Every structure is written in C-alpha cells, then in structure tokens.
Full PDB file with SEQRES, HELIX, SHEET, SSBOND, CRYST1, ORIGX, SCALE, CONECT and MASTER records, all heavy atoms in Angstrom:
SEQRES   1 A   38  ARG ALA VAL CYS ASP HIS PRO ARG ASN ILE PRO ASP ASP          
SEQRES   2 A   38  VAL LEU ALA ALA LEU PRO ALA ASN GLY GLY VAL ALA MET          
SEQRES   3 A   38  ALA THR PHE VAL PRO LYS PHE VAL LEU PRO ALA ALA              
HELIX    1 AA1 ASP A   12  ASN A   21  1                                  10    
HELIX    2 AA2 PRO A   31  VAL A   34  1                                   4    
CRYST1    1.000    1.000    1.000  90.00  90.00  90.00 P 1           1          
ORIGX1      1.000000  0.000000  0.000000        0.00000                         
ORIGX2      0.000000  1.000000  0.000000        0.00000                         
ORIGX3      0.000000  0.000000  1.000000        0.00000                         
SCALE1      1.000000  0.000000  0.000000        0.00000                         
SCALE2      0.000000  1.000000  0.000000        0.00000                         
SCALE3      0.000000  0.000000  1.000000        0.00000                         
ATOM      1  N   ARG A   1      -7.915  -4.272   5.186  1.00  0.00           N  
ATOM      2  CA  ARG A   1      -7.696  -3.056   4.420  1.00  0.00           C  
ATOM      3  C   ARG A   1      -6.556  -3.207   3.428  1.00  0.00           C  
ATOM      4  O   ARG A   1      -6.552  -2.570   2.364  1.00  0.00           O  
ATOM      5  CB  ARG A   1      -7.443  -1.873   5.360  1.00  0.00           C  
ATOM      6  CG  ARG A   1      -7.554  -0.533   4.661  1.00  0.00           C  
ATOM      7  CD  ARG A   1      -7.452   0.654   5.601  1.00  0.00           C  
ATOM      8  NE  ARG A   1      -8.523   0.679   6.597  1.00  0.00           N  
ATOM      9  CZ  ARG A   1      -8.732   1.719   7.402  1.00  0.00           C  
ATOM     10  NH1 ARG A   1      -7.963   2.789   7.324  1.00  0.00           N  
ATOM     11  NH2 ARG A   1      -9.703   1.675   8.286  1.00  0.00           N  
ATOM     12  N   ALA A   2      -5.589  -4.052   3.721  1.00  0.00           N  
ATOM     13  CA  ALA A   2      -4.471  -4.245   2.796  1.00  0.00           C  
ATOM     14  C   ALA A   2      -4.920  -4.919   1.504  1.00  0.00           C  
ATOM     15  O   ALA A   2      -4.284  -4.754   0.460  1.00  0.00           O  
ATOM     16  CB  ALA A   2      -3.374  -5.074   3.463  1.00  0.00           C  
ATOM     17  N   VAL A   3      -6.009  -5.666   1.551  1.00  0.00           N  
ATOM     18  CA  VAL A   3      -6.527  -6.356   0.366  1.00  0.00           C  
ATOM     19  C   VAL A   3      -7.535  -5.478  -0.370  1.00  0.00           C  
ATOM     20  O   VAL A   3      -7.582  -5.474  -1.609  1.00  0.00           O  
ATOM     21  CB  VAL A   3      -7.156  -7.704   0.758  1.00  0.00           C  
ATOM     22  CG1 VAL A   3      -7.700  -8.442  -0.473  1.00  0.00           C  
ATOM     23  CG2 VAL A   3      -6.129  -8.580   1.478  1.00  0.00           C  
ATOM     24  N   CYS A   4      -8.355  -4.735   0.360  1.00  0.00           N  
ATOM     25  CA  CYS A   4      -9.321  -3.801  -0.226  1.00  0.00           C  
ATOM     26  C   CYS A   4      -9.294  -2.538   0.622  1.00  0.00           C  
ATOM     27  O   CYS A   4      -9.717  -2.548   1.786  1.00  0.00           O  
ATOM     28  CB  CYS A   4     -10.722  -4.402  -0.263  1.00  0.00           C  
ATOM     29  SG  CYS A   4     -11.964  -3.343  -1.033  1.00  0.00           S  
ATOM     30  N   ASP A   5      -8.795  -1.460   0.050  1.00  0.00           N  
ATOM     31  CA  ASP A   5      -8.522  -0.239   0.809  1.00  0.00           C  
ATOM     32  C   ASP A   5      -9.792   0.575   1.027  1.00  0.00           C  
ATOM     33  O   ASP A   5     -10.025   1.607   0.407  1.00  0.00           O  
ATOM     34  CB  ASP A   5      -7.465   0.589   0.081  1.00  0.00           C  
ATOM     35  CG  ASP A   5      -6.959   1.759   0.921  1.00  0.00           C  
ATOM     36  OD1 ASP A   5      -7.236   1.768   2.138  1.00  0.00           O  
ATOM     37  OD2 ASP A   5      -6.297   2.659   0.359  1.00  0.00           O  
ATOM     38  N   HIS A   6     -10.624   0.072   1.934  1.00  0.00           N  
ATOM     39  CA  HIS A   6     -11.849   0.760   2.334  1.00  0.00           C  
ATOM     40  C   HIS A   6     -11.747   1.060   3.827  1.00  0.00           C  
ATOM     41  O   HIS A   6     -11.275   0.214   4.601  1.00  0.00           O  
ATOM     42  CB  HIS A   6     -13.074  -0.121   2.041  1.00  0.00           C  
ATOM     43  CG  HIS A   6     -14.374   0.612   2.147  1.00  0.00           C  
ATOM     44  ND1 HIS A   6     -14.905   1.000   3.360  1.00  0.00           N  
ATOM     45  CD2 HIS A   6     -15.242   1.049   1.187  1.00  0.00           C  
ATOM     46  CE1 HIS A   6     -16.050   1.634   3.157  1.00  0.00           C  
ATOM     47  NE2 HIS A   6     -16.284   1.675   1.848  1.00  0.00           N  
ATOM     48  N   PRO A   7     -12.178   2.244   4.276  1.00  0.00           N  
ATOM     49  CA  PRO A   7     -12.028   2.583   5.702  1.00  0.00           C  
ATOM     50  C   PRO A   7     -12.785   1.680   6.647  1.00  0.00           C  
ATOM     51  O   PRO A   7     -12.500   1.668   7.847  1.00  0.00           O  
ATOM     52  CB  PRO A   7     -12.542   4.034   5.778  1.00  0.00           C  
ATOM     53  CG  PRO A   7     -13.345   4.247   4.546  1.00  0.00           C  
ATOM     54  CD  PRO A   7     -12.718   3.379   3.507  1.00  0.00           C  
ATOM     55  N   ARG A   8     -13.761   0.905   6.130  1.00  0.00           N  
ATOM     56  CA  ARG A   8     -14.475  -0.048   6.987  1.00  0.00           C  
ATOM     57  C   ARG A   8     -13.647  -1.283   7.319  1.00  0.00           C  
ATOM     58  O   ARG A   8     -14.024  -2.089   8.165  1.00  0.00           O  
ATOM     59  CB  ARG A   8     -15.778  -0.477   6.295  1.00  0.00           C  
ATOM     60  CG  ARG A   8     -16.968   0.373   6.630  1.00  0.00           C  
ATOM     61  CD  ARG A   8     -17.529   0.037   7.997  1.00  0.00           C  
ATOM     62  NE  ARG A   8     -18.334  -1.175   7.931  1.00  0.00           N  
ATOM     63  CZ  ARG A   8     -17.981  -2.357   8.387  1.00  0.00           C  
ATOM     64  NH1 ARG A   8     -16.798  -2.533   8.953  1.00  0.00           N  
ATOM     65  NH2 ARG A   8     -18.790  -3.397   8.296  1.00  0.00           N  
ATOM     66  N   ASN A   9     -12.527  -1.443   6.651  1.00  0.00           N  
ATOM     67  CA  ASN A   9     -11.706  -2.626   6.861  1.00  0.00           C  
ATOM     68  C   ASN A   9     -10.612  -2.376   7.897  1.00  0.00           C  
ATOM     69  O   ASN A   9     -10.385  -1.253   8.346  1.00  0.00           O  
ATOM     70  CB  ASN A   9     -11.121  -3.096   5.529  1.00  0.00           C  
ATOM     71  CG  ASN A   9     -12.158  -3.788   4.661  1.00  0.00           C  
ATOM     72  OD1 ASN A   9     -13.128  -4.343   5.163  1.00  0.00           O  
ATOM     73  ND2 ASN A   9     -11.954  -3.751   3.352  1.00  0.00           N  
ATOM     74  N   ILE A  10      -9.913  -3.444   8.266  1.00  0.00           N  
ATOM     75  CA  ILE A  10      -8.974  -3.410   9.390  1.00  0.00           C  
ATOM     76  C   ILE A  10      -7.546  -3.244   8.878  1.00  0.00           C  
ATOM     77  O   ILE A  10      -7.070  -4.060   8.081  1.00  0.00           O  
ATOM     78  CB  ILE A  10      -9.058  -4.717  10.208  1.00  0.00           C  
ATOM     79  CG1 ILE A  10     -10.516  -5.084  10.507  1.00  0.00           C  
ATOM     80  CG2 ILE A  10      -8.261  -4.589  11.504  1.00  0.00           C  
ATOM     81  CD1 ILE A  10     -10.690  -6.504  11.049  1.00  0.00           C  
ATOM     82  N   PRO A  11      -6.825  -2.192   9.340  1.00  0.00           N  
ATOM     83  CA  PRO A  11      -5.412  -2.045   8.947  1.00  0.00           C  
ATOM     84  C   PRO A  11      -4.557  -3.179   9.511  1.00  0.00           C  
ATOM     85  O   PRO A  11      -4.899  -3.792  10.531  1.00  0.00           O  
ATOM     86  CB  PRO A  11      -5.009  -0.698   9.552  1.00  0.00           C  
ATOM     87  CG  PRO A  11      -6.284  -0.012   9.919  1.00  0.00           C  
ATOM     88  CD  PRO A  11      -7.277  -1.089  10.200  1.00  0.00           C  
ATOM     89  N   ASP A  12      -3.430  -3.407   8.857  1.00  0.00           N  
ATOM     90  CA  ASP A  12      -2.569  -4.515   9.278  1.00  0.00           C  
ATOM     91  C   ASP A  12      -2.023  -4.342  10.688  1.00  0.00           C  
ATOM     92  O   ASP A  12      -1.849  -5.327  11.410  1.00  0.00           O  
ATOM     93  CB  ASP A  12      -1.404  -4.666   8.287  1.00  0.00           C  
ATOM     94  CG  ASP A  12      -1.757  -5.567   7.107  1.00  0.00           C  
ATOM     95  OD1 ASP A  12      -2.925  -6.011   7.029  1.00  0.00           O  
ATOM     96  OD2 ASP A  12      -0.870  -5.812   6.264  1.00  0.00           O  
ATOM     97  N   ASP A  13      -1.726  -3.107  11.113  1.00  0.00           N  
ATOM     98  CA  ASP A  13      -1.176  -2.946  12.461  1.00  0.00           C  
ATOM     99  C   ASP A  13      -2.194  -3.348  13.517  1.00  0.00           C  
ATOM    100  O   ASP A  13      -1.840  -3.869  14.582  1.00  0.00           O  
ATOM    101  CB  ASP A  13      -0.689  -1.512  12.694  1.00  0.00           C  
ATOM    102  CG  ASP A  13      -1.831  -0.508  12.768  1.00  0.00           C  
ATOM    103  OD1 ASP A  13      -2.487  -0.280  11.730  1.00  0.00           O  
ATOM    104  OD2 ASP A  13      -2.065   0.065  13.861  1.00  0.00           O  
ATOM    105  N   VAL A  14      -3.495  -3.146  13.213  1.00  0.00           N  
ATOM    106  CA  VAL A  14      -4.540  -3.543  14.155  1.00  0.00           C  
ATOM    107  C   VAL A  14      -4.704  -5.058  14.141  1.00  0.00           C  
ATOM    108  O   VAL A  14      -4.827  -5.697  15.201  1.00  0.00           O  
ATOM    109  CB  VAL A  14      -5.863  -2.828  13.810  1.00  0.00           C  
ATOM    110  CG1 VAL A  14      -6.992  -3.324  14.704  1.00  0.00           C  
ATOM    111  CG2 VAL A  14      -5.694  -1.316  13.951  1.00  0.00           C  
ATOM    112  N   LEU A  15      -4.694  -5.651  12.948  1.00  0.00           N  
ATOM    113  CA  LEU A  15      -4.738  -7.116  12.873  1.00  0.00           C  
ATOM    114  C   LEU A  15      -3.570  -7.732  13.644  1.00  0.00           C  
ATOM    115  O   LEU A  15      -3.740  -8.727  14.360  1.00  0.00           O  
ATOM    116  CB  LEU A  15      -4.684  -7.571  11.411  1.00  0.00           C  
ATOM    117  CG  LEU A  15      -5.967  -7.425  10.590  1.00  0.00           C  
ATOM    118  CD1 LEU A  15      -5.685  -7.715   9.127  1.00  0.00           C  
ATOM    119  CD2 LEU A  15      -7.062  -8.357  11.110  1.00  0.00           C  
ATOM    120  N   ALA A  16      -2.387  -7.142  13.509  1.00  0.00           N  
ATOM    121  CA  ALA A  16      -1.200  -7.684  14.175  1.00  0.00           C  
ATOM    122  C   ALA A  16      -1.299  -7.560  15.691  1.00  0.00           C  
ATOM    123  O   ALA A  16      -0.633  -8.309  16.421  1.00  0.00           O  
ATOM    124  CB  ALA A  16       0.052  -6.974  13.665  1.00  0.00           C  
ATOM    125  N   ALA A  17      -2.130  -6.630  16.185  1.00  0.00           N  
ATOM    126  CA  ALA A  17      -2.285  -6.445  17.630  1.00  0.00           C  
ATOM    127  C   ALA A  17      -3.302  -7.406  18.238  1.00  0.00           C  
ATOM    128  O   ALA A  17      -3.381  -7.517  19.468  1.00  0.00           O  
ATOM    129  CB  ALA A  17      -2.702  -4.999  17.920  1.00  0.00           C  
ATOM    130  N   LEU A  18      -4.081  -8.084  17.407  1.00  0.00           N  
ATOM    131  CA  LEU A  18      -5.129  -8.956  17.945  1.00  0.00           C  
ATOM    132  C   LEU A  18      -4.606 -10.105  18.804  1.00  0.00           C  
ATOM    133  O   LEU A  18      -5.222 -10.443  19.816  1.00  0.00           O  
ATOM    134  CB  LEU A  18      -5.999  -9.512  16.818  1.00  0.00           C  
ATOM    135  CG  LEU A  18      -7.131  -8.609  16.322  1.00  0.00           C  
ATOM    136  CD1 LEU A  18      -7.929  -9.324  15.240  1.00  0.00           C  
ATOM    137  CD2 LEU A  18      -8.058  -8.196  17.461  1.00  0.00           C  
ATOM    138  N   PRO A  19      -3.488 -10.761  18.444  1.00  0.00           N  
ATOM    139  CA  PRO A  19      -3.044 -11.870  19.302  1.00  0.00           C  
ATOM    140  C   PRO A  19      -2.794 -11.462  20.748  1.00  0.00           C  
ATOM    141  O   PRO A  19      -3.148 -12.210  21.672  1.00  0.00           O  
ATOM    142  CB  PRO A  19      -1.751 -12.331  18.607  1.00  0.00           C  
ATOM    143  CG  PRO A  19      -1.976 -12.005  17.167  1.00  0.00           C  
ATOM    144  CD  PRO A  19      -2.711 -10.697  17.193  1.00  0.00           C  
ATOM    145  N   ALA A  20      -2.222 -10.284  20.968  1.00  0.00           N  
ATOM    146  CA  ALA A  20      -1.960  -9.846  22.343  1.00  0.00           C  
ATOM    147  C   ALA A  20      -3.259  -9.585  23.090  1.00  0.00           C  
ATOM    148  O   ALA A  20      -3.347  -9.780  24.305  1.00  0.00           O  
ATOM    149  CB  ALA A  20      -1.092  -8.593  22.338  1.00  0.00           C  
ATOM    150  N   ASN A  21      -4.285  -9.153  22.368  1.00  0.00           N  
ATOM    151  CA  ASN A  21      -5.575  -8.867  22.980  1.00  0.00           C  
ATOM    152  C   ASN A  21      -6.436 -10.119  23.113  1.00  0.00           C  
ATOM    153  O   ASN A  21      -7.268 -10.216  24.016  1.00  0.00           O  
ATOM    154  CB  ASN A  21      -6.301  -7.802  22.139  1.00  0.00           C  
ATOM    155  CG  ASN A  21      -7.766  -7.667  22.483  1.00  0.00           C  
ATOM    156  OD1 ASN A  21      -8.617  -8.279  21.830  1.00  0.00           O  
ATOM    157  ND2 ASN A  21      -8.071  -6.898  23.523  1.00  0.00           N  
ATOM    158  N   GLY A  22      -6.254 -11.073  22.190  1.00  0.00           N  
ATOM    159  CA  GLY A  22      -7.074 -12.274  22.179  1.00  0.00           C  
ATOM    160  C   GLY A  22      -8.334 -12.166  21.351  1.00  0.00           C  
ATOM    161  O   GLY A  22      -9.160 -13.084  21.349  1.00  0.00           O  
ATOM    162  N   GLY A  23      -8.502 -11.058  20.625  1.00  0.00           N  
ATOM    163  CA  GLY A  23      -9.733 -10.812  19.902  1.00  0.00           C  
ATOM    164  C   GLY A  23      -9.862 -11.589  18.605  1.00  0.00           C  
ATOM    165  O   GLY A  23      -8.973 -12.341  18.204  1.00  0.00           O  
ATOM    166  N   VAL A  24     -10.998 -11.379  17.943  1.00  0.00           N  
ATOM    167  CA  VAL A  24     -11.326 -12.091  16.710  1.00  0.00           C  
ATOM    168  C   VAL A  24     -11.827 -11.099  15.669  1.00  0.00           C  
ATOM    169  O   VAL A  24     -12.675 -10.249  15.968  1.00  0.00           O  
ATOM    170  CB  VAL A  24     -12.406 -13.166  16.961  1.00  0.00           C  
ATOM    171  CG1 VAL A  24     -12.944 -13.724  15.647  1.00  0.00           C  
ATOM    172  CG2 VAL A  24     -11.846 -14.304  17.807  1.00  0.00           C  
ATOM    173  N   ALA A  25     -11.300 -11.214  14.444  1.00  0.00           N  
ATOM    174  CA  ALA A  25     -11.747 -10.421  13.309  1.00  0.00           C  
ATOM    175  C   ALA A  25     -12.552 -11.315  12.379  1.00  0.00           C  
ATOM    176  O   ALA A  25     -12.043 -12.323  11.888  1.00  0.00           O  
ATOM    177  CB  ALA A  25     -10.549  -9.826  12.567  1.00  0.00           C  
ATOM    178  N   MET A  26     -13.799 -10.951  12.142  1.00  0.00           N  
ATOM    179  CA  MET A  26     -14.725 -11.776  11.372  1.00  0.00           C  
ATOM    180  C   MET A  26     -14.908 -11.151   9.989  1.00  0.00           C  
ATOM    181  O   MET A  26     -15.508 -10.085   9.841  1.00  0.00           O  
ATOM    182  CB  MET A  26     -16.055 -11.905  12.115  1.00  0.00           C  
ATOM    183  CG  MET A  26     -15.864 -12.356  13.568  1.00  0.00           C  
ATOM    184  SD  MET A  26     -17.400 -12.566  14.503  1.00  0.00           S  
ATOM    185  CE  MET A  26     -17.713 -14.312  14.232  1.00  0.00           C  
ATOM    186  N   ALA A  27     -14.365 -11.816   8.987  1.00  0.00           N  
ATOM    187  CA  ALA A  27     -14.390 -11.298   7.619  1.00  0.00           C  
ATOM    188  C   ALA A  27     -15.822 -11.213   7.108  1.00  0.00           C  
ATOM    189  O   ALA A  27     -16.633 -12.111   7.333  1.00  0.00           O  
ATOM    190  CB  ALA A  27     -13.555 -12.184   6.696  1.00  0.00           C  
ATOM    191  N   THR A  28     -16.109 -10.123   6.391  1.00  0.00           N  
ATOM    192  CA  THR A  28     -17.449  -9.906   5.864  1.00  0.00           C  
ATOM    193  C   THR A  28     -17.490 -10.130   4.366  1.00  0.00           C  
ATOM    194  O   THR A  28     -16.461 -10.291   3.710  1.00  0.00           O  
ATOM    195  CB  THR A  28     -17.954  -8.500   6.229  1.00  0.00           C  
ATOM    196  OG1 THR A  28     -19.359  -8.433   6.021  1.00  0.00           O  
ATOM    197  CG2 THR A  28     -17.250  -7.414   5.431  1.00  0.00           C  
ATOM    198  N   PHE A  29     -18.707 -10.133   3.804  1.00  0.00           N  
ATOM    199  CA  PHE A  29     -18.913 -10.468   2.400  1.00  0.00           C  
ATOM    200  C   PHE A  29     -19.317  -9.269   1.549  1.00  0.00           C  
ATOM    201  O   PHE A  29     -19.438  -9.406   0.339  1.00  0.00           O  
ATOM    202  CB  PHE A  29     -20.019 -11.525   2.263  1.00  0.00           C  
ATOM    203  CG  PHE A  29     -19.747 -12.843   2.933  1.00  0.00           C  
ATOM    204  CD1 PHE A  29     -20.767 -13.766   3.102  1.00  0.00           C  
ATOM    205  CD2 PHE A  29     -18.478 -13.169   3.403  1.00  0.00           C  
ATOM    206  CE1 PHE A  29     -20.535 -14.995   3.702  1.00  0.00           C  
ATOM    207  CE2 PHE A  29     -18.240 -14.390   4.016  1.00  0.00           C  
ATOM    208  CZ  PHE A  29     -19.267 -15.303   4.168  1.00  0.00           C  
ATOM    209  N   VAL A  30     -19.559  -8.106   2.135  1.00  0.00           N  
ATOM    210  CA  VAL A  30     -20.067  -6.945   1.398  1.00  0.00           C  
ATOM    211  C   VAL A  30     -19.099  -6.601   0.265  1.00  0.00           C  
ATOM    212  O   VAL A  30     -17.917  -6.331   0.520  1.00  0.00           O  
ATOM    213  CB  VAL A  30     -20.238  -5.743   2.341  1.00  0.00           C  
ATOM    214  CG1 VAL A  30     -20.774  -4.534   1.576  1.00  0.00           C  
ATOM    215  CG2 VAL A  30     -21.162  -6.112   3.499  1.00  0.00           C  
ATOM    216  N   PRO A  31     -19.564  -6.613  -0.995  1.00  0.00           N  
ATOM    217  CA  PRO A  31     -18.631  -6.450  -2.120  1.00  0.00           C  
ATOM    218  C   PRO A  31     -17.735  -5.219  -2.032  1.00  0.00           C  
ATOM    219  O   PRO A  31     -16.541  -5.302  -2.322  1.00  0.00           O  
ATOM    220  CB  PRO A  31     -19.561  -6.399  -3.334  1.00  0.00           C  
ATOM    221  CG  PRO A  31     -20.706  -7.273  -2.941  1.00  0.00           C  
ATOM    222  CD  PRO A  31     -20.920  -6.990  -1.475  1.00  0.00           C  
ATOM    223  N   LYS A  32     -18.266  -4.068  -1.616  1.00  0.00           N  
ATOM    224  CA  LYS A  32     -17.424  -2.871  -1.590  1.00  0.00           C  
ATOM    225  C   LYS A  32     -16.361  -2.935  -0.497  1.00  0.00           C  
ATOM    226  O   LYS A  32     -15.432  -2.125  -0.504  1.00  0.00           O  
ATOM    227  CB  LYS A  32     -18.275  -1.619  -1.416  1.00  0.00           C  
ATOM    228  CG  LYS A  32     -18.965  -1.482  -0.071  1.00  0.00           C  
ATOM    229  CD  LYS A  32     -19.769  -0.190  -0.014  1.00  0.00           C  
ATOM    230  CE  LYS A  32     -20.530  -0.054   1.305  1.00  0.00           C  
ATOM    231  NZ  LYS A  32     -21.303   1.193   1.372  1.00  0.00           N  
ATOM    232  N   PHE A  33     -16.481  -3.886   0.435  1.00  0.00           N  
ATOM    233  CA  PHE A  33     -15.455  -4.074   1.464  1.00  0.00           C  
ATOM    234  C   PHE A  33     -14.445  -5.152   1.090  1.00  0.00           C  
ATOM    235  O   PHE A  33     -13.408  -5.268   1.747  1.00  0.00           O  
ATOM    236  CB  PHE A  33     -16.073  -4.421   2.814  1.00  0.00           C  
ATOM    237  CG  PHE A  33     -17.067  -3.421   3.341  1.00  0.00           C  
ATOM    238  CD1 PHE A  33     -18.076  -3.812   4.203  1.00  0.00           C  
ATOM    239  CD2 PHE A  33     -17.009  -2.087   2.965  1.00  0.00           C  
ATOM    240  CE1 PHE A  33     -19.002  -2.904   4.690  1.00  0.00           C  
ATOM    241  CE2 PHE A  33     -17.931  -1.158   3.440  1.00  0.00           C  
ATOM    242  CZ  PHE A  33     -18.928  -1.569   4.308  1.00  0.00           C  
ATOM    243  N   VAL A  34     -14.746  -5.945   0.086  1.00  0.00           N  
ATOM    244  CA  VAL A  34     -13.835  -7.049  -0.251  1.00  0.00           C  
ATOM    245  C   VAL A  34     -13.252  -6.948  -1.654  1.00  0.00           C  
ATOM    246  O   VAL A  34     -12.207  -7.538  -1.938  1.00  0.00           O  
ATOM    247  CB  VAL A  34     -14.514  -8.431  -0.083  1.00  0.00           C  
ATOM    248  CG1 VAL A  34     -14.894  -8.650   1.378  1.00  0.00           C  
ATOM    249  CG2 VAL A  34     -15.721  -8.600  -0.990  1.00  0.00           C  
ATOM    250  N   LEU A  35     -13.886  -6.181  -2.547  1.00  0.00           N  
ATOM    251  CA  LEU A  35     -13.456  -6.112  -3.948  1.00  0.00           C  
ATOM    252  C   LEU A  35     -13.164  -4.661  -4.302  1.00  0.00           C  
ATOM    253  O   LEU A  35     -14.086  -3.842  -4.373  1.00  0.00           O  
ATOM    254  CB  LEU A  35     -14.568  -6.669  -4.856  1.00  0.00           C  
ATOM    255  CG  LEU A  35     -14.251  -6.796  -6.344  1.00  0.00           C  
ATOM    256  CD1 LEU A  35     -13.156  -7.843  -6.576  1.00  0.00           C  
ATOM    257  CD2 LEU A  35     -15.522  -7.167  -7.114  1.00  0.00           C  
ATOM    258  N   PRO A  36     -11.898  -4.302  -4.538  1.00  0.00           N  
ATOM    259  CA  PRO A  36     -11.570  -2.893  -4.808  1.00  0.00           C  
ATOM    260  C   PRO A  36     -12.396  -2.279  -5.933  1.00  0.00           C  
ATOM    261  O   PRO A  36     -12.812  -1.113  -5.832  1.00  0.00           O  
ATOM    262  CB  PRO A  36     -10.077  -2.957  -5.160  1.00  0.00           C  
ATOM    263  CG  PRO A  36      -9.566  -4.132  -4.396  1.00  0.00           C  
ATOM    264  CD  PRO A  36     -10.691  -5.139  -4.431  1.00  0.00           C  
ATOM    265  N   ALA A  37     -12.658  -3.044  -6.989  1.00  0.00           N  
ATOM    266  CA  ALA A  37     -13.415  -2.491  -8.117  1.00  0.00           C  
ATOM    267  C   ALA A  37     -14.841  -2.130  -7.734  1.00  0.00           C  
ATOM    268  O   ALA A  37     -15.492  -1.331  -8.428  1.00  0.00           O  
ATOM    269  CB  ALA A  37     -13.430  -3.503  -9.263  1.00  0.00           C  
ATOM    270  N   ALA A  38     -15.343  -2.698  -6.646  1.00  0.00           N  
ATOM    271  CA  ALA A  38     -16.727  -2.437  -6.235  1.00  0.00           C  
ATOM    272  C   ALA A  38     -16.872  -1.125  -5.473  1.00  0.00           C  
ATOM    273  O   ALA A  38     -17.992  -0.633  -5.297  1.00  0.00           O  
ATOM    274  CB  ALA A  38     -17.247  -3.589  -5.380  1.00  0.00           C  
TER     275      ALA A  38                                                      
MASTER        0    0    0    2    0    0    0    6  274    1    0    3          
END                                                                             
C-alpha cells in the first residue's frame, strides 16, 4: 500500500508484523494494485 495506495494492498505495519507470524505476502500484477495512475 505504501507504493500504490489501494485498499487491496498491505499496509506497512502489517508487512512489518509478518516476520513474527512467519507468513508470506505474494505480490500481485493487477495494474490498479501496483500502479497509482491505473
């Protein structure tokens, strides 16, 4: 979300919590989720 401010994306505080949980965030390719202009 810090790179493309769409609600479908992950805020930094949640990304920062992943190491304690052990989880994985899998980046997607959908243009409106990765490119702000889209």
